[in-house]
Amino acid sequence: MLQICGVKETQLPRLYESYDAVGTLLDSVKKELQLSDKVTVCAGAGDNAAAAIGTGTINDGDCNISLGTSGTVFISNDNFSVDDNNALHSFAHANGKYHLMGCILSAASCNAWWMENVLKTTEFSAEQRGADKLRGENDTFFMPYLMGERSPHNDTNARGAFIGLRPTTTRMQMTLAVMEGVAFALRDCVEVAKSNGTKISGTRICGGGSKSPLWRQIIADVLNMPVETPKTQEGPAYGGAILAMVACGEYSTVQSAVEKLISITQTVTPDKKAAAGYEKRYAIFKQLYPALKNAFKLYQEL
């Protein structure tokens, strides 16, 4: 890679594990912030890798879903692997091992768009009230590609779309479809990992969207696996703090720190009836993007 890019190794920074101590503060920074000479700087991690540490997603096959503005499926692996189509990102994990990550560009932002821009309301929970009874039976679909898509389609031309509207389609069905569409897109990423041999039996969840009990249940049903909510919901910040504690010697390893500091407050299990309904609907959902791919491209050329 250095030869291809015409870069010398001396031009690049040294590489560290995320939990390594890399130095102390500059004198000017210590003075400006009025901090002690004892402050240690550690390498740290990207937001989703840190969130995985903050939710305890460190063992082989562990999974964390971050349901924020974008949505990520983060899967911890002991060994490095790459899928055939590069649909998922393969990186080093903050715990010193590896991970696969799928990122959908619009997740909770889809819900915010639908509620605030279209329905003109900020009463999200009120709009979702009663939608629970339609889980697994909704015949309205939503494609959550408001900003194009990253994983697994990698298509900047992709756009959001409602599919299956009828004269009888209700506001509640469309509200539910938005949440389901995000869950289906997350499952797209999970399916790629499974096809690559990764075994996933459950997931943890963090991010603003995870505060919705309905959305947690939908994700459990669509993925047909239990969804765990950690006690501390500030995944990335908490993970960064854990890495810092390891760097400062408070814990000897990320593993021991996670075992001590991470606990689960709630587990949502899939509802068999809803999961069966979503299995049929996911079979339809995964045909929608291929069917509209060329139309999305033509739309961009108008």
C-alpha atoms as a PDB file:
ATOM      1  CA  MET A   1       0.000   0.000   0.000  1.00  0.00           C
ATOM      2  CA  LEU A   2       2.851   2.382   0.752  1.00  0.00           C
ATOM      3  CA  GLN A   3       4.373   1.733  -2.671  1.00  0.00           C
ATOM      4  CA  ILE A   4       1.022   2.104  -4.459  1.00  0.00           C
ATOM      5  CA  CYS A   5       0.278   5.423  -2.728  1.00  0.00           C
ATOM      6  CA  GLY A   6       3.829   6.759  -2.949  1.00  0.00           C
ATOM      7  CA  VAL A   7       4.032   7.244   0.813  1.00  0.00           C
ATOM      8  CA  LYS A   8       6.975   6.538   3.113  1.00  0.00           C
ATOM      9  CA  GLU A   9       6.469   4.779   6.417  1.00  0.00           C
ATOM     10  CA  THR A  10       8.284   7.635   8.164  1.00  0.00           C
ATOM     11  CA  GLN A  11       5.451   9.952   7.076  1.00  0.00           C
ATOM     12  CA  LEU A  12       2.872   7.940   8.996  1.00  0.00           C
ATOM     13  CA  PRO A  13       2.106   7.952  12.725  1.00  0.00           C
ATOM     14  CA  ARG A  14       2.944   4.976  14.901  1.00  0.00           C
ATOM     15  CA  LEU A  15       0.190   2.419  15.361  1.00  0.00           C
ATOM     16  CA  TYR A  16      -1.206   1.603  18.802  1.00  0.00           C
ATOM     17  CA  GLU A  17      -3.907  -0.571  20.244  1.00  0.00           C
ATOM     18  CA  SER A  18      -6.922   1.437  21.420  1.00  0.00           C
ATOM     19  CA  TYR A  19      -6.131   0.716  25.089  1.00  0.00           C
ATOM     20  CA  ASP A  20      -2.456   1.767  24.858  1.00  0.00           C
ATOM     21  CA  ALA A  21      -1.146   4.788  26.739  1.00  0.00           C
ATOM     22  CA  VAL A  22       0.520   7.014  24.158  1.00  0.00           C
ATOM     23  CA  GLY A  23       1.752   9.952  26.216  1.00  0.00           C
ATOM     24  CA  THR A  24       0.764  12.839  28.434  1.00  0.00           C
ATOM     25  CA  LEU A  25      -0.702  16.265  27.825  1.00  0.00           C
ATOM     26  CA  LEU A  26       1.357  19.061  26.310  1.00  0.00           C
ATOM     27  CA  ASP A  27       2.334  21.754  28.815  1.00  0.00           C
ATOM     28  CA  SER A  28       0.244  24.320  26.945  1.00  0.00           C
ATOM     29  CA  VAL A  29      -2.837  22.093  27.092  1.00  0.00           C
ATOM     30  CA  LYS A  30      -2.378  21.321  30.784  1.00  0.00           C
ATOM     31  CA  LYS A  31      -2.144  25.043  31.506  1.00  0.00           C
ATOM     32  CA  GLU A  32      -5.162  25.983  29.400  1.00  0.00           C
ATOM     33  CA  LEU A  33      -7.387  23.235  30.831  1.00  0.00           C
ATOM     34  CA  GLN A  34      -5.893  23.410  34.332  1.00  0.00           C
ATOM     35  CA  LEU A  35      -5.278  19.683  34.427  1.00  0.00           C
ATOM     36  CA  SER A  36      -2.768  17.614  36.372  1.00  0.00           C
ATOM     37  CA  ASP A  37       0.579  16.333  35.142  1.00  0.00           C
ATOM     38  CA  LYS A  38      -0.796  12.851  35.829  1.00  0.00           C
ATOM     39  CA  VAL A  39      -3.327  12.949  32.960  1.00  0.00           C
ATOM     40  CA  THR A  40      -2.599  10.110  30.507  1.00  0.00           C
ATOM     41  CA  VAL A  41      -3.531  10.173  26.845  1.00  0.00           C
ATOM     42  CA  CYS A  42      -4.622   6.818  25.405  1.00  0.00           C
ATOM     43  CA  ALA A  43      -5.025   5.904  21.746  1.00  0.00           C
ATOM     44  CA  GLY A  44      -8.800   5.491  21.869  1.00  0.00           C
ATOM     45  CA  ALA A  45     -11.095   4.193  19.149  1.00  0.00           C
ATOM     46  CA  GLY A  46     -13.643   5.104  16.536  1.00  0.00           C
ATOM     47  CA  ASP A  47     -17.192   5.730  17.701  1.00  0.00           C
ATOM     48  CA  ASN A  48     -18.655   2.311  16.881  1.00  0.00           C
ATOM     49  CA  ALA A  49     -15.666   0.342  18.150  1.00  0.00           C
ATOM     50  CA  ALA A  50     -15.850   2.347  21.388  1.00  0.00           C
ATOM     51  CA  ALA A  51     -19.623   1.734  21.551  1.00  0.00           C
ATOM     52  CA  ALA A  52     -18.951  -1.987  21.246  1.00  0.00           C
ATOM     53  CA  ILE A  53     -16.607  -1.814  24.238  1.00  0.00           C
ATOM     54  CA  GLY A  54     -19.228   0.218  26.098  1.00  0.00           C
ATOM     55  CA  THR A  55     -21.833  -2.490  25.530  1.00  0.00           C
ATOM     56  CA  GLY A  56     -19.474  -5.389  26.200  1.00  0.00           C
ATOM     57  CA  THR A  57     -19.354  -6.598  22.595  1.00  0.00           C
ATOM     58  CA  ILE A  58     -15.901  -8.194  22.686  1.00  0.00           C
ATOM     59  CA  ASN A  59     -16.241 -11.971  22.319  1.00  0.00           C
ATOM     60  CA  ASP A  60     -16.291 -13.889  19.042  1.00  0.00           C
ATOM     61  CA  GLY A  61     -19.749 -13.527  17.466  1.00  0.00           C
ATOM     62  CA  ASP A  62     -20.935 -10.851  19.910  1.00  0.00           C
ATOM     63  CA  CYS A  63     -23.111  -8.249  18.185  1.00  0.00           C
ATOM     64  CA  ASN A  64     -24.077  -4.654  18.982  1.00  0.00           C
ATOM     65  CA  ILE A  65     -26.607  -2.522  17.145  1.00  0.00           C
ATOM     66  CA  SER A  66     -26.250   1.227  17.396  1.00  0.00           C
ATOM     67  CA  LEU A  67     -29.553   2.881  16.530  1.00  0.00           C
ATOM     68  CA  GLY A  68     -28.607   6.513  16.090  1.00  0.00           C
ATOM     69  CA  THR A  69     -28.832   8.958  13.180  1.00  0.00           C
ATOM     70  CA  SER A  70     -27.226   6.166  11.184  1.00  0.00           C
ATOM     71  CA  GLY A  71     -27.463   2.529  12.198  1.00  0.00           C
ATOM     72  CA  THR A  72     -24.640   0.059  12.655  1.00  0.00           C
ATOM     73  CA  VAL A  73     -24.361  -3.669  13.120  1.00  0.00           C
ATOM     74  CA  PHE A  74     -21.038  -4.322  14.860  1.00  0.00           C
ATOM     75  CA  ILE A  75     -19.875  -7.931  15.193  1.00  0.00           C
ATOM     76  CA  SER A  76     -16.794  -8.870  17.207  1.00  0.00           C
ATOM     77  CA  ASN A  77     -14.514 -11.547  15.698  1.00  0.00           C
ATOM     78  CA  ASP A  78     -11.467 -13.376  16.977  1.00  0.00           C
ATOM     79  CA  ASN A  79     -10.164 -13.749  13.407  1.00  0.00           C
ATOM     80  CA  PHE A  80      -9.994 -11.326  10.483  1.00  0.00           C
ATOM     81  CA  SER A  81     -12.423 -11.997   7.629  1.00  0.00           C
ATOM     82  CA  VAL A  82     -13.737 -10.176   4.549  1.00  0.00           C
ATOM     83  CA  ASP A  83     -16.962 -10.957   2.690  1.00  0.00           C
ATOM     84  CA  ASP A  84     -16.791 -11.541  -1.063  1.00  0.00           C
ATOM     85  CA  ASN A  85     -18.525  -8.290  -2.038  1.00  0.00           C
ATOM     86  CA  ASN A  86     -17.018  -6.002   0.616  1.00  0.00           C
ATOM     87  CA  ALA A  87     -20.566  -5.363   1.827  1.00  0.00           C
ATOM     88  CA  LEU A  88     -19.354  -5.097   5.431  1.00  0.00           C
ATOM     89  CA  HIS A  89     -16.318  -3.252   6.775  1.00  0.00           C
ATOM     90  CA  SER A  90     -13.536  -5.409   8.220  1.00  0.00           C
ATOM     91  CA  PHE A  91     -11.366  -3.658  10.808  1.00  0.00           C
ATOM     92  CA  ALA A  92      -9.272  -4.098  13.916  1.00  0.00           C
ATOM     93  CA  HIS A  93     -11.432  -3.972  17.067  1.00  0.00           C
ATOM     94  CA  ALA A  94     -10.634  -1.781  20.052  1.00  0.00           C
ATOM     95  CA  ASN A  95     -10.131  -4.896  22.195  1.00  0.00           C
ATOM     96  CA  GLY A  96      -7.111  -5.925  20.084  1.00  0.00           C
ATOM     97  CA  LYS A  97      -8.967  -8.423  17.892  1.00  0.00           C
ATOM     98  CA  TYR A  98     -11.226  -7.803  14.844  1.00  0.00           C
ATOM     99  CA  HIS A  99     -14.739  -6.882  13.823  1.00  0.00           C
ATOM    100  CA  LEU A 100     -17.208  -6.751  10.957  1.00  0.00           C
ATOM    101  CA  MET A 101     -19.409  -3.685  10.690  1.00  0.00           C
ATOM    102  CA  GLY A 102     -22.402  -2.864   8.546  1.00  0.00           C
ATOM    103  CA  CYS A 103     -23.552   0.746   8.454  1.00  0.00           C
ATOM    104  CA  ILE A 104     -26.909   1.961   7.161  1.00  0.00           C
ATOM    105  CA  LEU A 105     -26.811   5.711   6.593  1.00  0.00           C
ATOM    106  CA  SER A 106     -30.323   6.490   7.834  1.00  0.00           C
ATOM    107  CA  ALA A 107     -31.771   4.840  10.939  1.00  0.00           C
ATOM    108  CA  ALA A 108     -33.304   6.946  13.724  1.00  0.00           C
ATOM    109  CA  SER A 109     -33.050   9.855  11.278  1.00  0.00           C
ATOM    110  CA  CYS A 110     -35.736   8.123   9.172  1.00  0.00           C
ATOM    111  CA  ASN A 111     -38.077   8.234  12.132  1.00  0.00           C
ATOM    112  CA  ALA A 112     -37.206  11.882  12.827  1.00  0.00           C
ATOM    113  CA  TRP A 113     -37.837  12.767   9.157  1.00  0.00           C
ATOM    114  CA  TRP A 114     -41.219  11.020   9.147  1.00  0.00           C
ATOM    115  CA  MET A 115     -42.345  12.475  12.462  1.00  0.00           C
ATOM    116  CA  GLU A 116     -41.011  16.025  12.241  1.00  0.00           C
ATOM    117  CA  ASN A 117     -40.940  16.800   8.510  1.00  0.00           C
ATOM    118  CA  VAL A 118     -44.002  14.900   7.357  1.00  0.00           C
ATOM    119  CA  LEU A 119     -46.322  14.433  10.344  1.00  0.00           C
ATOM    120  CA  LYS A 120     -45.177  17.708  11.942  1.00  0.00           C
ATOM    121  CA  THR A 121     -44.989  16.280  15.452  1.00  0.00           C
ATOM    122  CA  THR A 122     -42.393  15.636  18.115  1.00  0.00           C
ATOM    123  CA  GLU A 123     -44.663  13.244  20.039  1.00  0.00           C
ATOM    124  CA  PHE A 124     -42.916  10.137  18.783  1.00  0.00           C
ATOM    125  CA  SER A 125     -44.278   7.739  21.416  1.00  0.00           C
ATOM    126  CA  ALA A 126     -47.832   8.979  20.869  1.00  0.00           C
ATOM    127  CA  GLU A 127     -47.585   8.247  17.147  1.00  0.00           C
ATOM    128  CA  GLN A 128     -46.302   4.758  17.870  1.00  0.00           C
ATOM    129  CA  ARG A 129     -49.093   3.964  20.323  1.00  0.00           C
ATOM    130  CA  GLY A 130     -51.174   1.029  19.101  1.00  0.00           C
ATOM    131  CA  ALA A 131     -48.743   0.060  16.330  1.00  0.00           C
ATOM    132  CA  ASP A 132     -47.547  -2.897  18.402  1.00  0.00           C
ATOM    133  CA  LYS A 133     -50.630  -4.904  17.400  1.00  0.00           C
ATOM    134  CA  LEU A 134     -49.580  -4.712  13.718  1.00  0.00           C
ATOM    135  CA  ARG A 135     -46.119  -6.243  14.217  1.00  0.00           C
ATOM    136  CA  GLY A 136     -45.488  -8.907  11.597  1.00  0.00           C
ATOM    137  CA  GLU A 137     -48.717  -8.121   9.741  1.00  0.00           C
ATOM    138  CA  ASN A 138     -48.046  -4.715   8.184  1.00  0.00           C
ATOM    139  CA  ASP A 139     -48.323  -4.849   4.372  1.00  0.00           C
ATOM    140  CA  THR A 140     -46.709  -1.427   3.908  1.00  0.00           C
ATOM    141  CA  PHE A 141     -42.951  -1.303   3.312  1.00  0.00           C
ATOM    142  CA  PHE A 142     -40.432   1.501   3.683  1.00  0.00           C
ATOM    143  CA  MET A 143     -36.986   1.586   2.097  1.00  0.00           C
ATOM    144  CA  PRO A 144     -34.820   3.653   4.493  1.00  0.00           C
ATOM    145  CA  TYR A 145     -32.305   4.972   1.965  1.00  0.00           C
ATOM    146  CA  LEU A 146     -32.898   8.686   2.500  1.00  0.00           C
ATOM    147  CA  MET A 147     -29.192   9.474   2.076  1.00  0.00           C
ATOM    148  CA  GLY A 148     -28.218   6.664  -0.256  1.00  0.00           C
ATOM    149  CA  GLU A 149     -26.927   3.476   1.300  1.00  0.00           C
ATOM    150  CA  ARG A 150     -23.617   2.153   2.534  1.00  0.00           C
ATOM    151  CA  SER A 151     -24.080  -1.419   3.779  1.00  0.00           C
ATOM    152  CA  PRO A 152     -24.621  -3.755   2.153  1.00  0.00           C
ATOM    153  CA  HIS A 153     -25.579  -2.052  -1.136  1.00  0.00           C
ATOM    154  CA  ASN A 154     -22.920   0.712  -1.315  1.00  0.00           C
ATOM    155  CA  ASP A 155     -25.119   2.846  -3.593  1.00  0.00           C
ATOM    156  CA  THR A 156     -25.164   6.639  -3.418  1.00  0.00           C
ATOM    157  CA  ASN A 157     -28.120   6.660  -5.833  1.00  0.00           C
ATOM    158  CA  ALA A 158     -30.451   4.711  -3.526  1.00  0.00           C
ATOM    159  CA  ARG A 159     -33.439   6.649  -2.189  1.00  0.00           C
ATOM    160  CA  GLY A 160     -36.201   6.192   0.348  1.00  0.00           C
ATOM    161  CA  ALA A 161     -39.533   4.807  -0.797  1.00  0.00           C
ATOM    162  CA  PHE A 162     -42.871   3.595   0.515  1.00  0.00           C
ATOM    163  CA  ILE A 163     -44.054   0.411  -1.192  1.00  0.00           C
ATOM    164  CA  GLY A 164     -47.489  -1.210  -1.104  1.00  0.00           C
ATOM    165  CA  LEU A 165     -49.676   1.828  -0.424  1.00  0.00           C
ATOM    166  CA  ARG A 166     -53.420   1.336  -0.837  1.00  0.00           C
ATOM    167  CA  PRO A 167     -56.502   3.515  -0.333  1.00  0.00           C
ATOM    168  CA  THR A 168     -56.879   1.804   3.054  1.00  0.00           C
ATOM    169  CA  THR A 169     -53.263   2.395   4.198  1.00  0.00           C
ATOM    170  CA  THR A 170     -53.221   4.215   7.520  1.00  0.00           C
ATOM    171  CA  ARG A 171     -50.911   6.708   9.175  1.00  0.00           C
ATOM    172  CA  MET A 172     -50.100   4.057  11.782  1.00  0.00           C
ATOM    173  CA  GLN A 173     -49.080   1.552   9.113  1.00  0.00           C
ATOM    174  CA  MET A 174     -46.699   4.053   7.542  1.00  0.00           C
ATOM    175  CA  THR A 175     -45.247   4.987  10.936  1.00  0.00           C
ATOM    176  CA  LEU A 176     -44.653   1.318  11.685  1.00  0.00           C
ATOM    177  CA  ALA A 177     -43.238   0.726   8.186  1.00  0.00           C
ATOM    178  CA  VAL A 178     -40.517   3.316   8.787  1.00  0.00           C
ATOM    179  CA  MET A 179     -39.353   1.509  11.920  1.00  0.00           C
ATOM    180  CA  GLU A 180     -39.613  -1.885  10.248  1.00  0.00           C
ATOM    181  CA  GLY A 181     -37.687  -0.693   7.180  1.00  0.00           C
ATOM    182  CA  VAL A 182     -34.736   0.267   9.369  1.00  0.00           C
ATOM    183  CA  ALA A 183     -34.891  -3.126  11.098  1.00  0.00           C
ATOM    184  CA  PHE A 184     -34.974  -4.925   7.733  1.00  0.00           C
ATOM    185  CA  ALA A 185     -31.931  -2.927   6.551  1.00  0.00           C
ATOM    186  CA  LEU A 186     -30.071  -3.905   9.723  1.00  0.00           C
ATOM    187  CA  ARG A 187     -30.973  -7.525   9.047  1.00  0.00           C
ATOM    188  CA  ASP A 188     -29.465  -7.176   5.554  1.00  0.00           C
ATOM    189  CA  CYS A 189     -26.131  -6.551   7.285  1.00  0.00           C
ATOM    190  CA  VAL A 190     -26.604  -9.435   9.719  1.00  0.00           C
ATOM    191  CA  GLU A 191     -27.366 -11.811   6.839  1.00  0.00           C
ATOM    192  CA  VAL A 192     -24.113 -10.901   5.084  1.00  0.00           C
ATOM    193  CA  ALA A 193     -22.158 -11.721   8.248  1.00  0.00           C
ATOM    194  CA  LYS A 194     -23.996 -15.031   8.639  1.00  0.00           C
ATOM    195  CA  SER A 195     -23.312 -15.957   5.016  1.00  0.00           C
ATOM    196  CA  ASN A 196     -19.620 -15.421   5.772  1.00  0.00           C
ATOM    197  CA  GLY A 197     -19.728 -18.041   8.524  1.00  0.00           C
ATOM    198  CA  THR A 198     -20.213 -15.754  11.539  1.00  0.00           C
ATOM    199  CA  LYS A 199     -22.569 -17.226  14.133  1.00  0.00           C
ATOM    200  CA  ILE A 200     -24.766 -14.617  15.831  1.00  0.00           C
ATOM    201  CA  SER A 201     -27.241 -15.682  18.515  1.00  0.00           C
ATOM    202  CA  GLY A 202     -28.221 -12.298  19.937  1.00  0.00           C
ATOM    203  CA  THR A 203     -27.390  -8.625  20.007  1.00  0.00           C
ATOM    204  CA  ARG A 204     -27.015  -5.683  22.336  1.00  0.00           C
ATOM    205  CA  ILE A 205     -28.351  -2.264  21.472  1.00  0.00           C
ATOM    206  CA  CYS A 206     -27.558   1.384  22.178  1.00  0.00           C
ATOM    207  CA  GLY A 207     -28.295   4.791  20.666  1.00  0.00           C
ATOM    208  CA  GLY A 208     -31.255   7.160  20.804  1.00  0.00           C
ATOM    209  CA  GLY A 209     -33.592   4.897  18.842  1.00  0.00           C
ATOM    210  CA  SER A 210     -33.055   2.083  21.337  1.00  0.00           C
ATOM    211  CA  LYS A 211     -35.080   4.047  23.909  1.00  0.00           C
ATOM    212  CA  SER A 212     -38.242   3.032  22.025  1.00  0.00           C
ATOM    213  CA  PRO A 213     -39.643  -0.226  23.493  1.00  0.00           C
ATOM    214  CA  LEU A 214     -41.549  -0.798  20.238  1.00  0.00           C
ATOM    215  CA  TRP A 215     -38.420  -0.464  18.108  1.00  0.00           C
ATOM    216  CA  ARG A 216     -36.445  -2.828  20.349  1.00  0.00           C
ATOM    217  CA  GLN A 217     -39.220  -5.404  19.997  1.00  0.00           C
ATOM    218  CA  ILE A 218     -39.395  -4.964  16.213  1.00  0.00           C
ATOM    219  CA  ILE A 219     -35.637  -5.527  15.919  1.00  0.00           C
ATOM    220  CA  ALA A 220     -35.869  -8.636  18.110  1.00  0.00           C
ATOM    221  CA  ASP A 221     -38.703  -9.962  15.924  1.00  0.00           C
ATOM    222  CA  VAL A 222     -37.097  -9.079  12.568  1.00  0.00           C
ATOM    223  CA  LEU A 223     -33.715 -10.559  13.535  1.00  0.00           C
ATOM    224  CA  ASN A 224     -35.441 -13.375  15.440  1.00  0.00           C
ATOM    225  CA  MET A 225     -32.946 -13.107  18.275  1.00  0.00           C
ATOM    226  CA  PRO A 226     -32.874 -11.602  21.776  1.00  0.00           C
ATOM    227  CA  VAL A 227     -31.960  -7.913  22.101  1.00  0.00           C
ATOM    228  CA  GLU A 228     -30.176  -6.859  25.296  1.00  0.00           C
ATOM    229  CA  THR A 229     -30.084  -3.347  26.713  1.00  0.00           C
ATOM    230  CA  PRO A 230     -26.966  -2.500  28.775  1.00  0.00           C
ATOM    231  CA  LYS A 231     -27.354  -0.566  32.015  1.00  0.00           C
ATOM    232  CA  THR A 232     -25.209   2.286  30.686  1.00  0.00           C
ATOM    233  CA  GLN A 233     -26.629   3.626  27.425  1.00  0.00           C
ATOM    234  CA  GLU A 234     -23.777   6.022  26.574  1.00  0.00           C
ATOM    235  CA  GLY A 235     -22.019   3.323  24.542  1.00  0.00           C
ATOM    236  CA  PRO A 236     -19.202   5.255  22.783  1.00  0.00           C
ATOM    237  CA  ALA A 237     -18.341   7.534  25.721  1.00  0.00           C
ATOM    238  CA  TYR A 238     -18.497   4.675  28.212  1.00  0.00           C
ATOM    239  CA  GLY A 239     -16.337   2.520  25.950  1.00  0.00           C
ATOM    240  CA  GLY A 240     -13.796   5.326  25.657  1.00  0.00           C
ATOM    241  CA  ALA A 241     -13.693   5.602  29.446  1.00  0.00           C
ATOM    242  CA  ILE A 242     -13.122   1.842  29.771  1.00  0.00           C
ATOM    243  CA  LEU A 243     -10.237   1.987  27.286  1.00  0.00           C
ATOM    244  CA  ALA A 244      -8.746   4.848  29.291  1.00  0.00           C
ATOM    245  CA  MET A 245      -9.012   2.827  32.508  1.00  0.00           C
ATOM    246  CA  VAL A 246      -7.076  -0.015  30.889  1.00  0.00           C
ATOM    247  CA  ALA A 247      -4.469   2.447  29.572  1.00  0.00           C
ATOM    248  CA  CYS A 248      -4.024   3.854  33.086  1.00  0.00           C
ATOM    249  CA  GLY A 249      -3.681   0.419  34.696  1.00  0.00           C
ATOM    250  CA  GLU A 250      -7.014   0.339  36.513  1.00  0.00           C
ATOM    251  CA  TYR A 251      -7.726  -2.936  34.693  1.00  0.00           C
ATOM    252  CA  SER A 252      -5.175  -5.240  33.086  1.00  0.00           C
ATOM    253  CA  THR A 253      -7.246  -6.038  29.985  1.00  0.00           C
ATOM    254  CA  VAL A 254     -10.332  -4.836  28.146  1.00  0.00           C
ATOM    255  CA  GLN A 255     -11.886  -8.246  28.848  1.00  0.00           C
ATOM    256  CA  SER A 256     -11.514  -7.910  32.624  1.00  0.00           C
ATOM    257  CA  ALA A 257     -12.803  -4.321  32.554  1.00  0.00           C
ATOM    258  CA  VAL A 258     -15.893  -5.275  30.555  1.00  0.00           C
ATOM    259  CA  GLU A 259     -16.640  -8.235  32.822  1.00  0.00           C
ATOM    260  CA  LYS A 260     -16.572  -5.888  35.815  1.00  0.00           C
ATOM    261  CA  LEU A 261     -18.294  -2.832  34.389  1.00  0.00           C
ATOM    262  CA  ILE A 262     -20.949  -3.999  31.918  1.00  0.00           C
ATOM    263  CA  SER A 263     -24.340  -5.274  33.021  1.00  0.00           C
ATOM    264  CA  ILE A 264     -27.648  -5.894  31.235  1.00  0.00           C
ATOM    265  CA  THR A 265     -30.869  -4.344  32.483  1.00  0.00           C
ATOM    266  CA  GLN A 266     -33.373  -5.766  30.008  1.00  0.00           C
ATOM    267  CA  THR A 267     -33.630  -8.495  27.391  1.00  0.00           C
ATOM    268  CA  VAL A 268     -36.328  -8.409  24.715  1.00  0.00           C
ATOM    269  CA  THR A 269     -37.051 -11.804  23.180  1.00  0.00           C
ATOM    270  CA  PRO A 270     -38.677 -12.306  19.764  1.00  0.00           C
ATOM    271  CA  ASP A 271     -42.392 -13.008  19.602  1.00  0.00           C
ATOM    272  CA  LYS A 272     -42.850 -16.236  17.624  1.00  0.00           C
ATOM    273  CA  LYS A 273     -45.930 -15.072  15.711  1.00  0.00           C
ATOM    274  CA  ALA A 274     -44.480 -11.673  14.810  1.00  0.00           C
ATOM    275  CA  ALA A 275     -41.106 -13.201  13.902  1.00  0.00           C
ATOM    276  CA  ALA A 276     -42.820 -15.633  11.516  1.00  0.00           C
ATOM    277  CA  GLY A 277     -44.690 -12.744   9.887  1.00  0.00           C
ATOM    278  CA  TYR A 278     -41.508 -10.695   9.546  1.00  0.00           C
ATOM    279  CA  GLU A 279     -39.708 -13.657   7.985  1.00  0.00           C
ATOM    280  CA  LYS A 280     -42.216 -13.579   5.097  1.00  0.00           C
ATOM    281  CA  ARG A 281     -42.040  -9.804   4.838  1.00  0.00           C
ATOM    282  CA  TYR A 282     -38.257  -9.730   4.860  1.00  0.00           C
ATOM    283  CA  ALA A 283     -38.306 -12.080   1.859  1.00  0.00           C
ATOM    284  CA  ILE A 284     -40.244  -9.335   0.051  1.00  0.00           C
ATOM    285  CA  PHE A 285     -38.125  -6.465   1.407  1.00  0.00           C
ATOM    286  CA  LYS A 286     -34.861  -7.903   0.133  1.00  0.00           C
ATOM    287  CA  GLN A 287     -36.276  -7.949  -3.401  1.00  0.00           C
ATOM    288  CA  LEU A 288     -37.202  -4.241  -3.359  1.00  0.00           C
ATOM    289  CA  TYR A 289     -33.750  -2.680  -3.726  1.00  0.00           C
ATOM    290  CA  PRO A 290     -32.687  -4.902  -6.672  1.00  0.00           C
ATOM    291  CA  ALA A 291     -36.028  -4.136  -8.351  1.00  0.00           C
ATOM    292  CA  LEU A 292     -35.557  -0.367  -8.017  1.00  0.00           C
ATOM    293  CA  LYS A 293     -31.779  -0.099  -8.403  1.00  0.00           C
ATOM    294  CA  ASN A 294     -31.860   0.945 -12.059  1.00  0.00           C
ATOM    295  CA  ALA A 295     -34.739   3.336 -11.428  1.00  0.00           C
ATOM    296  CA  PHE A 296     -32.709   5.040  -8.691  1.00  0.00           C
ATOM    297  CA  LYS A 297     -29.841   5.479 -11.130  1.00  0.00           C
ATOM    298  CA  LEU A 298     -32.102   6.943 -13.822  1.00  0.00           C
ATOM    299  CA  TYR A 299     -33.645   9.259 -11.249  1.00  0.00           C
ATOM    300  CA  GLN A 300     -30.200  10.734 -10.573  1.00  0.00           C
ATOM    301  CA  GLU A 301     -29.726  11.418 -14.282  1.00  0.00           C
ATOM    302  CA  LEU A 302     -32.889  13.556 -14.618  1.00  0.00           C
END
